[in-house]
Amino acid sequence: MEDVRPYTITGGRTHSNHLLHLTTCLITRPAAPRAALLPSPECEALLLHCSGVPRPVAELAARLGQPVQVVKVLIGDLLDCDALALANPYGATPDDDVQLLEALIHGLRSRL
């Protein structure tokens, strides 16, 4: 993917209309729009990465090499056009993020 400024990718938008956490998982809907109907190569990449397996927002941002907030805006667009679905609609809350990170740190420390 070519190097495009985040402002250009999102059309200047900085927030999604959807509440998305770093651990919110998304999956491509079976009847997702064809690539010709998608607004950007980044949206196409998001659908490809979410095809067949749920992926969390943080992983999608890393795979696209874009800031999380930019990816959240694009995900919001794809949710609005029913191209993506929440794989864990009642998923992780910010409190769950803290618990998950603490468990991860504990697990890593126990291996040292």
N, C-alpha and C. Protein backbone atom coordinates (compact mmCIF):
# COMPACT_ATOMS: atom_id res chain seq x y z
N MET A 1 0.84 -1.17 0.00
CA MET A 1 0.00 0.00 0.00
C MET A 1 0.88 1.24 0.00
N GLU A 2 0.51 2.22 -0.77
CA GLU A 2 1.28 3.44 -0.81
C GLU A 2 1.09 4.22 0.49
N ASP A 3 2.05 5.12 0.75
CA ASP A 3 2.01 5.91 1.97
C ASP A 3 1.04 7.08 1.79
N VAL A 4 -0.12 7.00 2.42
CA VAL A 4 -1.14 8.03 2.32
C VAL A 4 -1.37 8.60 3.72
N ARG A 5 -1.50 9.90 3.81
CA ARG A 5 -1.70 10.54 5.10
C ARG A 5 -3.04 10.13 5.71
N PRO A 6 -3.05 9.88 7.02
CA PRO A 6 -4.29 9.45 7.68
C PRO A 6 -5.47 10.39 7.43
N TYR A 7 -5.21 11.69 7.37
CA TYR A 7 -6.27 12.67 7.14
C TYR A 7 -6.97 12.38 5.81
N THR A 8 -6.19 12.00 4.82
CA THR A 8 -6.74 11.70 3.49
C THR A 8 -7.56 10.42 3.52
N ILE A 9 -7.07 9.42 4.22
CA ILE A 9 -7.75 8.12 4.28
C ILE A 9 -9.14 8.25 4.89
N THR A 10 -9.26 9.07 5.90
CA THR A 10 -10.55 9.20 6.62
C THR A 10 -11.39 10.37 6.13
N GLY A 11 -10.90 11.10 5.16
CA GLY A 11 -11.64 12.28 4.69
C GLY A 11 -11.72 13.35 5.76
N GLY A 12 -10.73 13.40 6.63
CA GLY A 12 -10.69 14.40 7.69
C GLY A 12 -11.45 14.04 8.95
N ARG A 13 -12.12 12.89 8.94
CA ARG A 13 -12.88 12.48 10.13
C ARG A 13 -11.93 11.89 11.17
N THR A 14 -12.25 12.13 12.43
CA THR A 14 -11.38 11.64 13.51
C THR A 14 -12.05 10.64 14.43
N HIS A 15 -13.36 10.44 14.28
CA HIS A 15 -14.08 9.53 15.16
C HIS A 15 -15.06 8.67 14.37
N SER A 16 -15.28 7.48 14.87
CA SER A 16 -16.27 6.58 14.30
C SER A 16 -17.60 6.79 15.02
N ASN A 17 -18.68 6.47 14.37
CA ASN A 17 -20.00 6.53 15.01
C ASN A 17 -20.26 5.28 15.86
N HIS A 18 -19.31 4.37 15.88
CA HIS A 18 -19.46 3.11 16.61
C HIS A 18 -18.46 3.08 17.77
N LEU A 19 -18.89 2.52 18.89
CA LEU A 19 -18.01 2.35 20.03
C LEU A 19 -17.16 1.10 19.80
N LEU A 20 -15.89 1.31 19.56
CA LEU A 20 -14.99 0.20 19.27
C LEU A 20 -13.81 0.25 20.24
N HIS A 21 -13.53 -0.89 20.85
CA HIS A 21 -12.38 -1.02 21.75
C HIS A 21 -11.25 -1.70 20.98
N LEU A 22 -10.06 -1.67 21.53
CA LEU A 22 -8.93 -2.34 20.89
C LEU A 22 -9.18 -3.83 20.72
N THR A 23 -9.97 -4.40 21.62
CA THR A 23 -10.23 -5.84 21.58
C THR A 23 -11.52 -6.22 20.87
N THR A 24 -12.24 -5.23 20.34
CA THR A 24 -13.46 -5.53 19.59
C THR A 24 -13.09 -6.31 18.34
N CYS A 25 -13.70 -7.47 18.16
CA CYS A 25 -13.39 -8.32 17.01
C CYS A 25 -14.42 -8.13 15.91
N LEU A 26 -13.92 -8.16 14.69
CA LEU A 26 -14.79 -7.96 13.52
C LEU A 26 -14.57 -9.08 12.52
N ILE A 27 -15.60 -9.35 11.74
CA ILE A 27 -15.51 -10.38 10.70
C ILE A 27 -16.28 -9.88 9.49
N THR A 28 -15.80 -10.27 8.32
CA THR A 28 -16.46 -9.87 7.08
C THR A 28 -17.79 -10.59 6.95
N ARG A 29 -18.82 -9.86 6.55
CA ARG A 29 -20.13 -10.46 6.31
C ARG A 29 -20.08 -11.25 5.01
N PRO A 30 -20.84 -12.34 4.93
CA PRO A 30 -20.83 -13.14 3.70
C PRO A 30 -21.19 -12.35 2.44
N ALA A 31 -22.09 -11.40 2.56
CA ALA A 31 -22.52 -10.63 1.39
C ALA A 31 -21.87 -9.25 1.38
N ALA A 32 -20.58 -9.19 1.71
CA ALA A 32 -19.87 -7.90 1.75
C ALA A 32 -19.82 -7.30 0.34
N PRO A 33 -19.81 -5.98 0.25
CA PRO A 33 -19.76 -5.33 -1.06
C PRO A 33 -18.52 -5.74 -1.84
N ARG A 34 -18.64 -5.76 -3.15
CA ARG A 34 -17.49 -6.07 -4.00
C ARG A 34 -16.47 -4.95 -3.88
N ALA A 35 -15.23 -5.26 -4.18
CA ALA A 35 -14.13 -4.31 -4.04
C ALA A 35 -14.39 -3.01 -4.80
N ALA A 36 -15.07 -3.07 -5.94
CA ALA A 36 -15.32 -1.87 -6.74
C ALA A 36 -16.20 -0.86 -6.00
N LEU A 37 -16.98 -1.33 -5.04
CA LEU A 37 -17.89 -0.45 -4.32
C LEU A 37 -17.27 0.16 -3.06
N LEU A 38 -16.08 -0.31 -2.70
CA LEU A 38 -15.45 0.15 -1.46
C LEU A 38 -14.72 1.47 -1.68
N PRO A 39 -14.72 2.32 -0.64
CA PRO A 39 -14.17 3.66 -0.79
C PRO A 39 -12.65 3.75 -0.88
N SER A 40 -11.91 2.73 -0.44
CA SER A 40 -10.45 2.86 -0.43
C SER A 40 -9.77 1.49 -0.41
N PRO A 41 -8.50 1.47 -0.78
CA PRO A 41 -7.73 0.22 -0.69
C PRO A 41 -7.62 -0.26 0.76
N GLU A 42 -7.61 0.69 1.71
CA GLU A 42 -7.54 0.31 3.12
C GLU A 42 -8.79 -0.46 3.54
N CYS A 43 -9.95 -0.04 3.04
CA CYS A 43 -11.19 -0.76 3.35
C CYS A 43 -11.17 -2.15 2.74
N GLU A 44 -10.64 -2.26 1.53
CA GLU A 44 -10.51 -3.57 0.90
C GLU A 44 -9.61 -4.47 1.75
N ALA A 45 -8.50 -3.90 2.24
CA ALA A 45 -7.57 -4.67 3.06
C ALA A 45 -8.24 -5.11 4.36
N LEU A 46 -9.04 -4.23 4.97
CA LEU A 46 -9.74 -4.60 6.20
C LEU A 46 -10.65 -5.80 5.96
N LEU A 47 -11.39 -5.78 4.87
CA LEU A 47 -12.29 -6.90 4.56
C LEU A 47 -11.50 -8.18 4.32
N LEU A 48 -10.39 -8.06 3.65
CA LEU A 48 -9.55 -9.23 3.39
C LEU A 48 -9.03 -9.82 4.70
N HIS A 49 -8.55 -8.97 5.59
CA HIS A 49 -8.00 -9.44 6.86
C HIS A 49 -9.07 -10.05 7.76
N CYS A 50 -10.31 -9.60 7.65
CA CYS A 50 -11.40 -10.10 8.49
C CYS A 50 -12.16 -11.25 7.83
N SER A 51 -11.73 -11.65 6.67
CA SER A 51 -12.43 -12.70 5.94
C SER A 51 -12.17 -14.07 6.56
N GLY A 52 -13.23 -14.66 7.10
CA GLY A 52 -13.14 -16.02 7.63
C GLY A 52 -12.68 -16.15 9.06
N VAL A 53 -12.08 -15.10 9.61
CA VAL A 53 -11.59 -15.18 10.99
C VAL A 53 -11.77 -13.82 11.66
N PRO A 54 -12.34 -13.80 12.87
CA PRO A 54 -12.51 -12.52 13.58
C PRO A 54 -11.15 -11.93 13.94
N ARG A 55 -11.03 -10.64 13.76
CA ARG A 55 -9.79 -9.94 14.09
C ARG A 55 -10.09 -8.74 14.98
N PRO A 56 -9.27 -8.51 16.01
CA PRO A 56 -9.48 -7.34 16.88
C PRO A 56 -9.00 -6.06 16.21
N VAL A 57 -9.55 -4.95 16.63
CA VAL A 57 -9.21 -3.64 16.08
C VAL A 57 -7.70 -3.40 16.15
N ALA A 58 -7.07 -3.71 17.27
CA ALA A 58 -5.63 -3.47 17.43
C ALA A 58 -4.82 -4.23 16.38
N GLU A 59 -5.19 -5.46 16.12
CA GLU A 59 -4.47 -6.25 15.12
C GLU A 59 -4.67 -5.67 13.72
N LEU A 60 -5.89 -5.24 13.43
CA LEU A 60 -6.16 -4.66 12.12
C LEU A 60 -5.34 -3.39 11.89
N ALA A 61 -5.21 -2.57 12.93
CA ALA A 61 -4.41 -1.35 12.81
C ALA A 61 -2.95 -1.71 12.53
N ALA A 62 -2.45 -2.74 13.22
CA ALA A 62 -1.07 -3.17 13.00
C ALA A 62 -0.87 -3.71 11.58
N ARG A 63 -1.82 -4.51 11.13
CA ARG A 63 -1.71 -5.08 9.78
C ARG A 63 -1.76 -4.01 8.69
N LEU A 64 -2.55 -2.97 8.91
CA LEU A 64 -2.63 -1.89 7.93
C LEU A 64 -1.51 -0.86 8.08
N GLY A 65 -0.85 -0.88 9.23
CA GLY A 65 0.20 0.09 9.48
C GLY A 65 -0.35 1.50 9.63
N GLN A 66 -1.56 1.59 10.20
CA GLN A 66 -2.23 2.88 10.38
C GLN A 66 -2.55 3.08 11.86
N PRO A 67 -2.70 4.33 12.28
CA PRO A 67 -3.11 4.59 13.66
C PRO A 67 -4.47 3.95 13.96
N VAL A 68 -4.66 3.53 15.19
CA VAL A 68 -5.90 2.86 15.59
C VAL A 68 -7.12 3.72 15.29
N GLN A 69 -7.04 5.02 15.55
CA GLN A 69 -8.20 5.88 15.33
C GLN A 69 -8.60 5.94 13.86
N VAL A 70 -7.63 5.91 12.97
CA VAL A 70 -7.91 5.89 11.53
C VAL A 70 -8.65 4.60 11.17
N VAL A 71 -8.15 3.50 11.70
CA VAL A 71 -8.77 2.20 11.42
C VAL A 71 -10.18 2.14 11.99
N LYS A 72 -10.40 2.73 13.16
CA LYS A 72 -11.75 2.76 13.73
C LYS A 72 -12.72 3.52 12.83
N VAL A 73 -12.27 4.60 12.23
CA VAL A 73 -13.13 5.36 11.31
C VAL A 73 -13.50 4.49 10.11
N LEU A 74 -12.50 3.81 9.54
CA LEU A 74 -12.76 2.95 8.38
C LEU A 74 -13.67 1.78 8.75
N ILE A 75 -13.44 1.19 9.92
CA ILE A 75 -14.30 0.10 10.38
C ILE A 75 -15.74 0.59 10.52
N GLY A 76 -15.90 1.80 11.06
CA GLY A 76 -17.24 2.38 11.18
C GLY A 76 -17.93 2.49 9.83
N ASP A 77 -17.18 2.90 8.81
CA ASP A 77 -17.75 2.97 7.46
C ASP A 77 -18.20 1.60 6.98
N LEU A 78 -17.37 0.59 7.24
CA LEU A 78 -17.70 -0.77 6.80
C LEU A 78 -18.85 -1.37 7.60
N LEU A 79 -18.96 -1.01 8.86
CA LEU A 79 -20.11 -1.44 9.66
C LEU A 79 -21.39 -0.78 9.14
N ASP A 80 -21.29 0.49 8.78
CA ASP A 80 -22.46 1.22 8.28
C ASP A 80 -23.00 0.64 6.97
N CYS A 81 -22.11 0.12 6.13
CA CYS A 81 -22.57 -0.44 4.86
C CYS A 81 -22.73 -1.97 4.94
N ASP A 82 -22.75 -2.51 6.16
CA ASP A 82 -22.95 -3.94 6.41
C ASP A 82 -21.91 -4.84 5.75
N ALA A 83 -20.71 -4.33 5.56
CA ALA A 83 -19.64 -5.15 5.01
C ALA A 83 -18.92 -5.91 6.13
N LEU A 84 -18.91 -5.35 7.33
CA LEU A 84 -18.31 -6.00 8.50
C LEU A 84 -19.38 -6.21 9.56
N ALA A 85 -19.12 -7.19 10.41
CA ALA A 85 -20.01 -7.44 11.55
C ALA A 85 -19.15 -7.57 12.80
N LEU A 86 -19.73 -7.22 13.93
CA LEU A 86 -19.05 -7.41 15.21
C LEU A 86 -19.07 -8.90 15.54
N ALA A 87 -17.90 -9.45 15.79
CA ALA A 87 -17.82 -10.87 16.14
C ALA A 87 -18.05 -11.08 17.63
N ASN A 88 -17.91 -10.01 18.41
CA ASN A 88 -18.16 -10.08 19.85
C ASN A 88 -18.96 -8.84 20.25
N PRO A 89 -20.24 -8.77 19.82
CA PRO A 89 -21.00 -7.54 20.05
C PRO A 89 -21.12 -7.14 21.51
N TYR A 90 -21.04 -8.09 22.39
CA TYR A 90 -21.08 -7.77 23.83
C TYR A 90 -19.69 -7.95 24.40
N GLY A 91 -18.70 -7.76 23.54
CA GLY A 91 -17.31 -8.07 23.84
C GLY A 91 -16.69 -7.26 24.94
N ALA A 92 -15.41 -7.16 24.83
CA ALA A 92 -14.59 -6.60 25.89
C ALA A 92 -14.91 -5.14 26.16
N THR A 93 -14.89 -4.82 27.41
CA THR A 93 -15.03 -3.44 27.85
C THR A 93 -13.66 -2.95 28.27
N PRO A 94 -13.47 -1.66 28.51
CA PRO A 94 -12.16 -1.18 28.95
C PRO A 94 -11.67 -1.90 30.21
N ASP A 95 -12.58 -2.28 31.12
CA ASP A 95 -12.17 -3.01 32.31
C ASP A 95 -11.62 -4.38 31.93
N ASP A 96 -12.21 -5.01 30.93
CA ASP A 96 -11.71 -6.29 30.46
C ASP A 96 -10.32 -6.14 29.87
N ASP A 97 -10.05 -5.02 29.20
CA ASP A 97 -8.73 -4.76 28.63
C ASP A 97 -7.68 -4.79 29.73
N VAL A 98 -7.96 -4.13 30.85
CA VAL A 98 -7.02 -4.09 31.96
C VAL A 98 -6.79 -5.50 32.51
N GLN A 99 -7.86 -6.25 32.70
CA GLN A 99 -7.72 -7.61 33.22
C GLN A 99 -6.94 -8.49 32.25
N LEU A 100 -7.19 -8.33 30.96
CA LEU A 100 -6.47 -9.11 29.96
C LEU A 100 -4.99 -8.77 29.98
N LEU A 101 -4.66 -7.50 30.04
CA LEU A 101 -3.26 -7.09 30.07
C LEU A 101 -2.56 -7.57 31.33
N GLU A 102 -3.25 -7.50 32.48
CA GLU A 102 -2.65 -7.99 33.72
C GLU A 102 -2.39 -9.49 33.64
N ALA A 103 -3.32 -10.24 33.07
CA ALA A 103 -3.13 -11.69 32.91
C ALA A 103 -1.98 -11.97 31.96
N LEU A 104 -1.85 -11.19 30.91
CA LEU A 104 -0.76 -11.36 29.96
C LEU A 104 0.58 -11.09 30.63
N ILE A 105 0.67 -10.00 31.39
CA ILE A 105 1.90 -9.66 32.09
C ILE A 105 2.26 -10.77 33.09
N HIS A 106 1.27 -11.26 33.83
CA HIS A 106 1.51 -12.34 34.79
C HIS A 106 2.04 -13.58 34.07
N GLY A 107 1.43 -13.92 32.95
CA GLY A 107 1.87 -15.09 32.19
C GLY A 107 3.28 -14.93 31.65
N LEU A 108 3.61 -13.75 31.18
CA LEU A 108 4.96 -13.52 30.67
C LEU A 108 6.00 -13.57 31.78
N ARG A 109 5.67 -12.99 32.92
CA ARG A 109 6.61 -13.00 34.05
C ARG A 109 6.85 -14.42 34.55
N SER A 110 5.82 -15.25 34.51
CA SER A 110 5.98 -16.62 35.02
C SER A 110 6.87 -17.45 34.11
N ARG A 111 7.07 -17.02 32.88
CA ARG A 111 7.93 -17.75 31.94
C ARG A 111 9.39 -17.34 32.07
N LEU A 112 9.66 -16.23 32.77
CA LEU A 112 11.06 -15.76 32.90
C LEU A 112 11.84 -16.53 33.91
